[in-house]
Amino acid sequence: MFYTFICNSCQEVFEIKASISEISNGLKVVCPKCASSDVTRDYSKINIGTSAGSGAKSSSCSTCSGSKGCCGS
């Protein structure tokens, strides 16, 4: 599964691919932009299929322009 995180230091929104067990066991997530480990999981966007890409800030639909995903601005 893909999980979306927001960096609390630089506000970068990024996705990681991890298994449910990795997340449940406290996988250490680091921001790819500033290397901070002060990140928060974004529960407003769930992506089971494919990733929009590393560090993607794209929307899930054509009407949204929020940096947190479709209608999650």
Protein backbone atom coordinates (compact mmCIF):
# COMPACT_ATOMS: atom_id res chain seq x y z
CA MET A 1 0.00 0.00 0.00
CA PHE A 2 0.98 3.61 -0.43
CA TYR A 3 0.86 5.97 2.52
CA THR A 4 0.88 9.76 2.34
CA PHE A 5 2.89 11.81 4.83
CA ILE A 6 3.39 15.52 5.45
CA CYS A 7 6.70 16.84 6.75
CA ASN A 8 6.18 19.10 9.75
CA SER A 9 9.50 20.86 9.06
CA CYS A 10 9.24 21.80 5.37
CA GLN A 11 5.56 20.95 4.59
CA GLU A 12 6.56 18.51 1.82
CA VAL A 13 3.78 16.03 0.95
CA PHE A 14 5.13 12.63 -0.09
CA GLU A 15 4.16 8.99 -0.43
CA ILE A 16 5.90 5.83 0.65
CA LYS A 17 5.19 2.23 -0.28
CA ALA A 18 5.02 -0.04 2.75
CA SER A 19 3.18 -3.07 4.00
CA ILE A 20 0.55 -2.81 6.70
CA SER A 21 2.84 -4.72 9.08
CA GLU A 22 5.71 -2.27 8.45
CA ILE A 23 3.47 0.66 9.33
CA SER A 24 2.03 -1.18 12.34
CA ASN A 25 5.53 -1.97 13.62
CA GLY A 26 6.55 1.71 13.58
CA LEU A 27 8.38 2.10 10.27
CA LYS A 28 10.78 5.05 10.49
CA VAL A 29 9.70 7.57 7.84
CA VAL A 30 12.01 10.41 6.76
CA CYS A 31 11.15 13.35 4.52
CA PRO A 32 12.83 12.96 1.11
CA LYS A 33 13.24 16.74 0.78
CA CYS A 34 14.80 17.80 4.11
CA ALA A 35 15.56 14.42 5.80
CA SER A 36 13.48 15.32 8.87
CA SER A 37 11.83 12.48 10.76
CA ASP A 38 9.16 14.91 12.08
CA VAL A 39 6.44 13.69 9.74
CA THR A 40 2.71 13.12 10.12
CA ARG A 41 0.65 10.56 8.27
CA ASP A 42 -2.08 12.12 6.11
CA TYR A 43 -5.18 10.00 6.64
CA SER A 44 -7.29 12.08 4.24
CA LYS A 45 -5.80 10.30 1.21
CA ILE A 46 -5.76 6.54 0.85
CA ASN A 47 -3.98 4.99 -2.12
CA ILE A 48 -4.14 1.22 -2.46
CA GLY A 49 -3.23 1.01 -6.13
CA THR A 50 -0.44 2.98 -7.72
CA SER A 51 1.57 5.93 -6.47
CA ALA A 52 1.40 9.33 -8.12
CA GLY A 53 5.18 9.40 -7.68
CA SER A 54 7.67 10.28 -5.01
CA GLY A 55 6.96 13.66 -3.50
CA ALA A 56 3.86 14.03 -5.62
CA LYS A 57 1.54 16.89 -4.85
CA SER A 58 -0.96 16.06 -7.55
CA SER A 59 -4.68 15.98 -7.02
CA SER A 60 -6.84 12.92 -7.38
CA CYS A 61 -9.37 14.70 -9.57
CA SER A 62 -9.31 17.49 -12.11
CA THR A 63 -11.25 19.95 -9.96
CA CYS A 64 -8.95 19.96 -6.91
CA SER A 65 -5.76 21.95 -6.53
CA GLY A 66 -4.98 21.31 -2.86
CA SER A 67 -1.49 20.13 -1.96
CA LYS A 68 -2.89 17.40 0.31
CA GLY A 69 -4.82 15.67 -2.46
CA CYS A 70 -8.33 15.76 -3.78
CA CYS A 71 -10.54 17.97 -1.64
CA GLY A 72 -8.02 17.72 1.20
CA SER A 73 -6.60 21.23 0.86
